[in-house]
Amino acid sequence: MPTLEPTYFCAAIVDLDGTMVDTVGDFEAALNTMLAELGLPAVHRGFISKTVGKGSEHLIRSTLAQVGADAALYEAAWAAYQRCYLAINGQFSTVYPGVLEGLQQLADAGLTLACLTNKPGAFARPLLAAKGLDKFFAQVFGGDAFARKKPDPLPLLEACRALGSLPARTLMVGDSANDAQAARAAGCPVRWSATATTTAGRSAR
């Protein structure tokens, strides 16, 4: 894999949940409000932390299974979750230390940035704005932007197309196996860790 030389990369694709923002608190509040409305027991933070990252559909179906609910409740749960999450979006989440600095360093190195997340776009854009991160991104793609989600490589390939960059010269910055698997399949170099944004920013200077 190429080294992080500022003259090599022309763009970067950055994940959202777990990479830039710790959103487990938002998921916990929205899911447990949804479950309470449906008369179902709450789920704990540990379960949520292990389950998020593959899109809202997967999260809701997994949550219903976790509490022993009938899968037929999915449509009602989805509608309640959408409403509950939009009501609290960003209130129980925090930007990881160093993220603002890391993004600024990527931008200063001349990279065009896109945010690519499995979170629905209607959740992702307001969250980025609320946390003051939206100014860094030329493009924002939610999990509903393309026909398939990460770990499929399609979203990364489409994001590269939108950015006008070759995958080999587009850095993927993420925190999960979904990000790493998608990047490798798409041919994008990847920086993958809990502090990926900060690390990538420092390396790109």
C-alpha atoms as a PDB file:
ATOM      1  CA  MET A   1       0.000   0.000   0.000  1.00  0.00           C
ATOM      2  CA  PRO A   2       1.365   3.464  -0.826  1.00  0.00           C
ATOM      3  CA  THR A   3       2.646   5.652   1.928  1.00  0.00           C
ATOM      4  CA  LEU A   4       0.733   8.709   3.081  1.00  0.00           C
ATOM      5  CA  GLU A   5       2.553  11.308   1.031  1.00  0.00           C
ATOM      6  CA  PRO A   6       0.602  14.541   0.558  1.00  0.00           C
ATOM      7  CA  THR A   7       1.489  14.650  -3.136  1.00  0.00           C
ATOM      8  CA  TYR A   8       0.109  11.139  -3.719  1.00  0.00           C
ATOM      9  CA  PHE A   9      -3.497  11.462  -2.508  1.00  0.00           C
ATOM     10  CA  CYS A  10      -5.990  13.801  -4.119  1.00  0.00           C
ATOM     11  CA  ALA A  11      -9.059  12.913  -2.040  1.00  0.00           C
ATOM     12  CA  ALA A  12     -10.194  11.195   1.138  1.00  0.00           C
ATOM     13  CA  ILE A  13     -13.414   9.430   2.103  1.00  0.00           C
ATOM     14  CA  VAL A  14     -14.184   9.595   5.821  1.00  0.00           C
ATOM     15  CA  ASP A  15     -16.610   7.452   7.819  1.00  0.00           C
ATOM     16  CA  LEU A  16     -18.838   9.136  10.419  1.00  0.00           C
ATOM     17  CA  ASP A  17     -19.990   6.981  13.366  1.00  0.00           C
ATOM     18  CA  GLY A  18     -17.064   5.724  15.421  1.00  0.00           C
ATOM     19  CA  THR A  19     -14.528   7.577  13.269  1.00  0.00           C
ATOM     20  CA  MET A  20     -15.421  11.240  13.717  1.00  0.00           C
ATOM     21  CA  VAL A  21     -18.283  11.159  16.216  1.00  0.00           C
ATOM     22  CA  ASP A  22     -19.105   8.855  19.133  1.00  0.00           C
ATOM     23  CA  THR A  23     -22.828   8.388  18.472  1.00  0.00           C
ATOM     24  CA  VAL A  24     -23.593   5.410  20.709  1.00  0.00           C
ATOM     25  CA  GLY A  25     -25.512   7.725  23.065  1.00  0.00           C
ATOM     26  CA  ASP A  26     -27.763   8.873  20.223  1.00  0.00           C
ATOM     27  CA  PHE A  27     -28.454   5.283  19.183  1.00  0.00           C
ATOM     28  CA  GLU A  28     -29.193   4.328  22.772  1.00  0.00           C
ATOM     29  CA  ALA A  29     -31.677   7.163  23.260  1.00  0.00           C
ATOM     30  CA  ALA A  30     -33.455   6.636  19.938  1.00  0.00           C
ATOM     31  CA  LEU A  31     -33.639   2.843  20.119  1.00  0.00           C
ATOM     32  CA  ASN A  32     -34.860   2.712  23.694  1.00  0.00           C
ATOM     33  CA  THR A  33     -37.491   5.388  23.072  1.00  0.00           C
ATOM     34  CA  MET A  34     -38.637   3.364  20.060  1.00  0.00           C
ATOM     35  CA  LEU A  35     -38.777   0.172  22.125  1.00  0.00           C
ATOM     36  CA  ALA A  36     -40.696   1.877  24.927  1.00  0.00           C
ATOM     37  CA  GLU A  37     -43.283   3.123  22.441  1.00  0.00           C
ATOM     38  CA  LEU A  38     -43.734  -0.445  21.214  1.00  0.00           C
ATOM     39  CA  GLY A  39     -43.999  -1.797  24.771  1.00  0.00           C
ATOM     40  CA  LEU A  40     -40.697  -3.660  24.485  1.00  0.00           C
ATOM     41  CA  PRO A  41     -37.735  -3.867  26.918  1.00  0.00           C
ATOM     42  CA  ALA A  42     -34.687  -1.660  26.504  1.00  0.00           C
ATOM     43  CA  VAL A  43     -31.346  -2.742  25.051  1.00  0.00           C
ATOM     44  CA  HIS A  44     -28.020  -1.998  26.672  1.00  0.00           C
ATOM     45  CA  ARG A  45     -25.155   0.075  25.318  1.00  0.00           C
ATOM     46  CA  GLY A  46     -22.867  -2.922  24.840  1.00  0.00           C
ATOM     47  CA  PHE A  47     -25.323  -4.531  22.414  1.00  0.00           C
ATOM     48  CA  ILE A  48     -25.686  -1.254  20.508  1.00  0.00           C
ATOM     49  CA  SER A  49     -21.933  -0.771  20.196  1.00  0.00           C
ATOM     50  CA  LYS A  50     -21.580  -4.235  18.659  1.00  0.00           C
ATOM     51  CA  THR A  51     -24.543  -3.841  16.285  1.00  0.00           C
ATOM     52  CA  VAL A  52     -24.239  -0.380  14.735  1.00  0.00           C
ATOM     53  CA  GLY A  53     -22.378   0.191  11.495  1.00  0.00           C
ATOM     54  CA  LYS A  54     -24.351  -1.825   8.946  1.00  0.00           C
ATOM     55  CA  GLY A  55     -27.225   0.587   8.423  1.00  0.00           C
ATOM     56  CA  SER A  56     -30.455   1.386  10.226  1.00  0.00           C
ATOM     57  CA  GLU A  57     -32.353  -1.545   8.759  1.00  0.00           C
ATOM     58  CA  HIS A  58     -29.860  -4.032  10.178  1.00  0.00           C
ATOM     59  CA  LEU A  59     -29.808  -2.212  13.518  1.00  0.00           C
ATOM     60  CA  ILE A  60     -33.579  -2.252  13.933  1.00  0.00           C
ATOM     61  CA  ARG A  61     -34.005  -5.882  12.857  1.00  0.00           C
ATOM     62  CA  SER A  62     -31.199  -6.920  15.208  1.00  0.00           C
ATOM     63  CA  THR A  63     -32.707  -4.921  18.062  1.00  0.00           C
ATOM     64  CA  LEU A  64     -36.120  -6.520  17.619  1.00  0.00           C
ATOM     65  CA  ALA A  65     -34.479  -9.952  17.616  1.00  0.00           C
ATOM     66  CA  GLN A  66     -32.455  -9.038  20.720  1.00  0.00           C
ATOM     67  CA  VAL A  67     -35.592  -8.261  22.749  1.00  0.00           C
ATOM     68  CA  GLY A  68     -37.514 -11.250  21.378  1.00  0.00           C
ATOM     69  CA  ALA A  69     -40.013  -9.176  19.417  1.00  0.00           C
ATOM     70  CA  ASP A  70     -41.981 -10.376  16.407  1.00  0.00           C
ATOM     71  CA  ALA A  71     -40.141  -9.511  13.186  1.00  0.00           C
ATOM     72  CA  ALA A  72     -43.505  -8.301  11.831  1.00  0.00           C
ATOM     73  CA  LEU A  73     -43.063  -5.216  14.040  1.00  0.00           C
ATOM     74  CA  TYR A  74     -40.291  -3.990  11.765  1.00  0.00           C
ATOM     75  CA  GLU A  75     -42.333  -1.390   9.858  1.00  0.00           C
ATOM     76  CA  ALA A  76     -43.732   0.141  13.052  1.00  0.00           C
ATOM     77  CA  ALA A  77     -40.300   0.058  14.644  1.00  0.00           C
ATOM     78  CA  TRP A  78     -38.702   1.694  11.604  1.00  0.00           C
ATOM     79  CA  ALA A  79     -41.202   4.567  11.614  1.00  0.00           C
ATOM     80  CA  ALA A  80     -40.785   5.120  15.361  1.00  0.00           C
ATOM     81  CA  TYR A  81     -36.999   4.952  15.122  1.00  0.00           C
ATOM     82  CA  GLN A  82     -36.856   7.505  12.319  1.00  0.00           C
ATOM     83  CA  ARG A  83     -38.940   9.951  14.323  1.00  0.00           C
ATOM     84  CA  CYS A  84     -37.072   9.350  17.591  1.00  0.00           C
ATOM     85  CA  TYR A  85     -33.608   9.615  16.038  1.00  0.00           C
ATOM     86  CA  LEU A  86     -34.363  12.832  14.188  1.00  0.00           C
ATOM     87  CA  ALA A  87     -35.674  14.349  17.418  1.00  0.00           C
ATOM     88  CA  ILE A  88     -32.438  13.725  19.353  1.00  0.00           C
ATOM     89  CA  ASN A  89     -29.843  13.604  16.549  1.00  0.00           C
ATOM     90  CA  GLY A  90     -26.538  14.837  17.974  1.00  0.00           C
ATOM     91  CA  GLN A  91     -27.759  15.547  21.507  1.00  0.00           C
ATOM     92  CA  PHE A  92     -26.046  12.519  23.062  1.00  0.00           C
ATOM     93  CA  SER A  93     -22.985  12.320  20.814  1.00  0.00           C
ATOM     94  CA  THR A  94     -19.521  13.861  20.936  1.00  0.00           C
ATOM     95  CA  VAL A  95     -16.785  14.555  18.409  1.00  0.00           C
ATOM     96  CA  TYR A  96     -13.676  12.524  19.170  1.00  0.00           C
ATOM     97  CA  PRO A  97     -10.618  14.495  20.302  1.00  0.00           C
ATOM     98  CA  GLY A  98      -8.370  15.531  17.425  1.00  0.00           C
ATOM     99  CA  VAL A  99     -10.958  15.048  14.676  1.00  0.00           C
ATOM    100  CA  LEU A 100     -11.285  18.736  13.791  1.00  0.00           C
ATOM    101  CA  GLU A 101      -7.521  19.046  13.636  1.00  0.00           C
ATOM    102  CA  GLY A 102      -7.214  15.889  11.548  1.00  0.00           C
ATOM    103  CA  LEU A 103      -9.804  17.042   9.029  1.00  0.00           C
ATOM    104  CA  GLN A 104      -8.150  20.442   8.782  1.00  0.00           C
ATOM    105  CA  GLN A 105      -4.802  18.783   8.123  1.00  0.00           C
ATOM    106  CA  LEU A 106      -6.312  16.657   5.356  1.00  0.00           C
ATOM    107  CA  ALA A 107      -7.848  19.762   3.802  1.00  0.00           C
ATOM    108  CA  ASP A 108      -4.593  21.708   4.171  1.00  0.00           C
ATOM    109  CA  ALA A 109      -2.799  18.895   2.341  1.00  0.00           C
ATOM    110  CA  GLY A 110      -5.056  19.634  -0.639  1.00  0.00           C
ATOM    111  CA  LEU A 111      -7.354  16.604  -0.366  1.00  0.00           C
ATOM    112  CA  THR A 112     -11.011  16.914  -1.377  1.00  0.00           C
ATOM    113  CA  LEU A 113     -13.121  15.203   1.289  1.00  0.00           C
ATOM    114  CA  ALA A 114     -16.311  13.165   1.222  1.00  0.00           C
ATOM    115  CA  CYS A 115     -18.154  11.717   4.188  1.00  0.00           C
ATOM    116  CA  LEU A 116     -19.425   8.191   3.484  1.00  0.00           C
ATOM    117  CA  THR A 117     -21.525   6.514   6.156  1.00  0.00           C
ATOM    118  CA  ASN A 118     -24.064   3.719   6.449  1.00  0.00           C
ATOM    119  CA  LYS A 119     -26.216   6.109   8.492  1.00  0.00           C
ATOM    120  CA  PRO A 120     -29.171   7.478   6.447  1.00  0.00           C
ATOM    121  CA  GLY A 121     -28.351  10.761   4.766  1.00  0.00           C
ATOM    122  CA  ALA A 122     -31.214  12.503   6.579  1.00  0.00           C
ATOM    123  CA  PHE A 123     -29.425  11.694   9.864  1.00  0.00           C
ATOM    124  CA  ALA A 124     -25.845  12.220   8.686  1.00  0.00           C
ATOM    125  CA  ARG A 125     -26.106  15.734   7.252  1.00  0.00           C
ATOM    126  CA  PRO A 126     -27.749  17.366  10.295  1.00  0.00           C
ATOM    127  CA  LEU A 127     -25.273  15.623  12.602  1.00  0.00           C
ATOM    128  CA  LEU A 128     -22.272  16.894  10.651  1.00  0.00           C
ATOM    129  CA  ALA A 129     -23.747  20.409  10.721  1.00  0.00           C
ATOM    130  CA  ALA A 130     -24.533  20.259  14.438  1.00  0.00           C
ATOM    131  CA  LYS A 131     -20.970  19.228  15.231  1.00  0.00           C
ATOM    132  CA  GLY A 132     -19.356  21.802  12.936  1.00  0.00           C
ATOM    133  CA  LEU A 133     -17.900  19.177  10.606  1.00  0.00           C
ATOM    134  CA  ASP A 134     -19.951  19.792   7.462  1.00  0.00           C
ATOM    135  CA  LYS A 135     -17.670  22.594   6.235  1.00  0.00           C
ATOM    136  CA  PHE A 136     -14.910  20.091   5.498  1.00  0.00           C
ATOM    137  CA  PHE A 137     -16.883  17.925   3.056  1.00  0.00           C
ATOM    138  CA  ALA A 138     -17.519  18.506  -0.629  1.00  0.00           C
ATOM    139  CA  GLN A 139     -19.867  15.502  -0.660  1.00  0.00           C
ATOM    140  CA  VAL A 140     -21.882  13.601   1.961  1.00  0.00           C
ATOM    141  CA  PHE A 141     -23.245  10.137   1.151  1.00  0.00           C
ATOM    142  CA  GLY A 142     -25.547   8.262   3.514  1.00  0.00           C
ATOM    143  CA  GLY A 143     -26.326   4.578   3.544  1.00  0.00           C
ATOM    144  CA  ASP A 144     -29.339   5.226   1.331  1.00  0.00           C
ATOM    145  CA  ALA A 145     -27.339   7.001  -1.389  1.00  0.00           C
ATOM    146  CA  PHE A 146     -26.434   3.869  -3.327  1.00  0.00           C
ATOM    147  CA  ALA A 147     -27.884   0.445  -4.065  1.00  0.00           C
ATOM    148  CA  ARG A 148     -25.545  -1.244  -1.565  1.00  0.00           C
ATOM    149  CA  LYS A 149     -23.816  -0.254   1.679  1.00  0.00           C
ATOM    150  CA  LYS A 150     -20.330  -0.816   3.078  1.00  0.00           C
ATOM    151  CA  PRO A 151     -18.693  -3.378   3.281  1.00  0.00           C
ATOM    152  CA  ASP A 152     -19.657  -3.599  -0.402  1.00  0.00           C
ATOM    153  CA  PRO A 153     -17.153  -1.554  -2.443  1.00  0.00           C
ATOM    154  CA  LEU A 154     -19.882   0.141  -4.522  1.00  0.00           C
ATOM    155  CA  PRO A 155     -20.309   3.196  -2.232  1.00  0.00           C
ATOM    156  CA  LEU A 156     -16.573   3.899  -2.275  1.00  0.00           C
ATOM    157  CA  LEU A 157     -16.371   3.543  -6.051  1.00  0.00           C
ATOM    158  CA  GLU A 158     -19.335   5.885  -6.479  1.00  0.00           C
ATOM    159  CA  ALA A 159     -17.864   8.367  -3.998  1.00  0.00           C
ATOM    160  CA  CYS A 160     -14.576   8.345  -5.940  1.00  0.00           C
ATOM    161  CA  ARG A 161     -16.527   8.970  -9.127  1.00  0.00           C
ATOM    162  CA  ALA A 162     -18.292  11.931  -7.534  1.00  0.00           C
ATOM    163  CA  LEU A 163     -14.999  13.320  -6.275  1.00  0.00           C
ATOM    164  CA  GLY A 164     -13.329  12.818  -9.655  1.00  0.00           C
ATOM    165  CA  SER A 165     -10.550  10.780  -8.047  1.00  0.00           C
ATOM    166  CA  LEU A 166      -9.047   7.399  -8.778  1.00  0.00           C
ATOM    167  CA  PRO A 167      -9.584   4.812  -5.993  1.00  0.00           C
ATOM    168  CA  ALA A 168      -5.820   4.241  -5.717  1.00  0.00           C
ATOM    169  CA  ARG A 169      -5.345   7.941  -4.931  1.00  0.00           C
ATOM    170  CA  THR A 170      -8.310   8.191  -2.553  1.00  0.00           C
ATOM    171  CA  LEU A 171      -7.695   7.482   1.117  1.00  0.00           C
ATOM    172  CA  MET A 172     -10.449   5.750   3.109  1.00  0.00           C
ATOM    173  CA  VAL A 173     -10.502   6.761   6.769  1.00  0.00           C
ATOM    174  CA  GLY A 174     -12.643   4.566   9.019  1.00  0.00           C
ATOM    175  CA  ASP A 175     -12.911   2.652  12.263  1.00  0.00           C
ATOM    176  CA  SER A 176     -14.511  -0.680  11.404  1.00  0.00           C
ATOM    177  CA  ALA A 177     -13.997  -3.857   9.437  1.00  0.00           C
ATOM    178  CA  ASN A 178     -16.769  -2.626   7.120  1.00  0.00           C
ATOM    179  CA  ASP A 179     -14.608   0.348   6.144  1.00  0.00           C
ATOM    180  CA  ALA A 180     -11.465  -1.726   5.696  1.00  0.00           C
ATOM    181  CA  GLN A 181     -13.193  -4.446   3.669  1.00  0.00           C
ATOM    182  CA  ALA A 182     -14.958  -1.958   1.391  1.00  0.00           C
ATOM    183  CA  ALA A 183     -11.786   0.067   0.833  1.00  0.00           C
ATOM    184  CA  ARG A 184      -9.657  -2.926  -0.035  1.00  0.00           C
ATOM    185  CA  ALA A 185     -12.268  -4.273  -2.443  1.00  0.00           C
ATOM    186  CA  ALA A 186     -12.554  -0.850  -4.105  1.00  0.00           C
ATOM    187  CA  GLY A 187      -8.788  -0.434  -4.368  1.00  0.00           C
ATOM    188  CA  CYS A 188      -8.598   2.485  -1.929  1.00  0.00           C
ATOM    189  CA  PRO A 189      -5.756   2.721   0.606  1.00  0.00           C
ATOM    190  CA  VAL A 190      -7.207   2.689   4.120  1.00  0.00           C
ATOM    191  CA  ARG A 191      -6.355   4.070   7.532  1.00  0.00           C
ATOM    192  CA  TRP A 192      -8.401   2.134  10.063  1.00  0.00           C
ATOM    193  CA  SER A 193      -8.383   2.772  13.798  1.00  0.00           C
ATOM    194  CA  ALA A 194     -10.302   4.451  16.607  1.00  0.00           C
ATOM    195  CA  THR A 195      -8.219   7.577  15.960  1.00  0.00           C
ATOM    196  CA  ALA A 196      -8.113   7.195  12.196  1.00  0.00           C
ATOM    197  CA  THR A 197      -9.029  10.770  11.314  1.00  0.00           C
ATOM    198  CA  THR A 198      -6.335  12.268  13.508  1.00  0.00           C
ATOM    199  CA  THR A 199      -3.724   9.764  12.338  1.00  0.00           C
ATOM    200  CA  ALA A 200      -4.520  10.307   8.683  1.00  0.00           C
ATOM    201  CA  GLY A 201      -4.451  14.056   9.050  1.00  0.00           C
ATOM    202  CA  ARG A 202      -1.052  14.030  10.697  1.00  0.00           C
ATOM    203  CA  SER A 203       0.333  11.654   8.081  1.00  0.00           C
ATOM    204  CA  ALA A 204      -0.930  13.754   5.177  1.00  0.00           C
ATOM    205  CA  ARG A 205       0.862  16.917   6.268  1.00  0.00           C
END
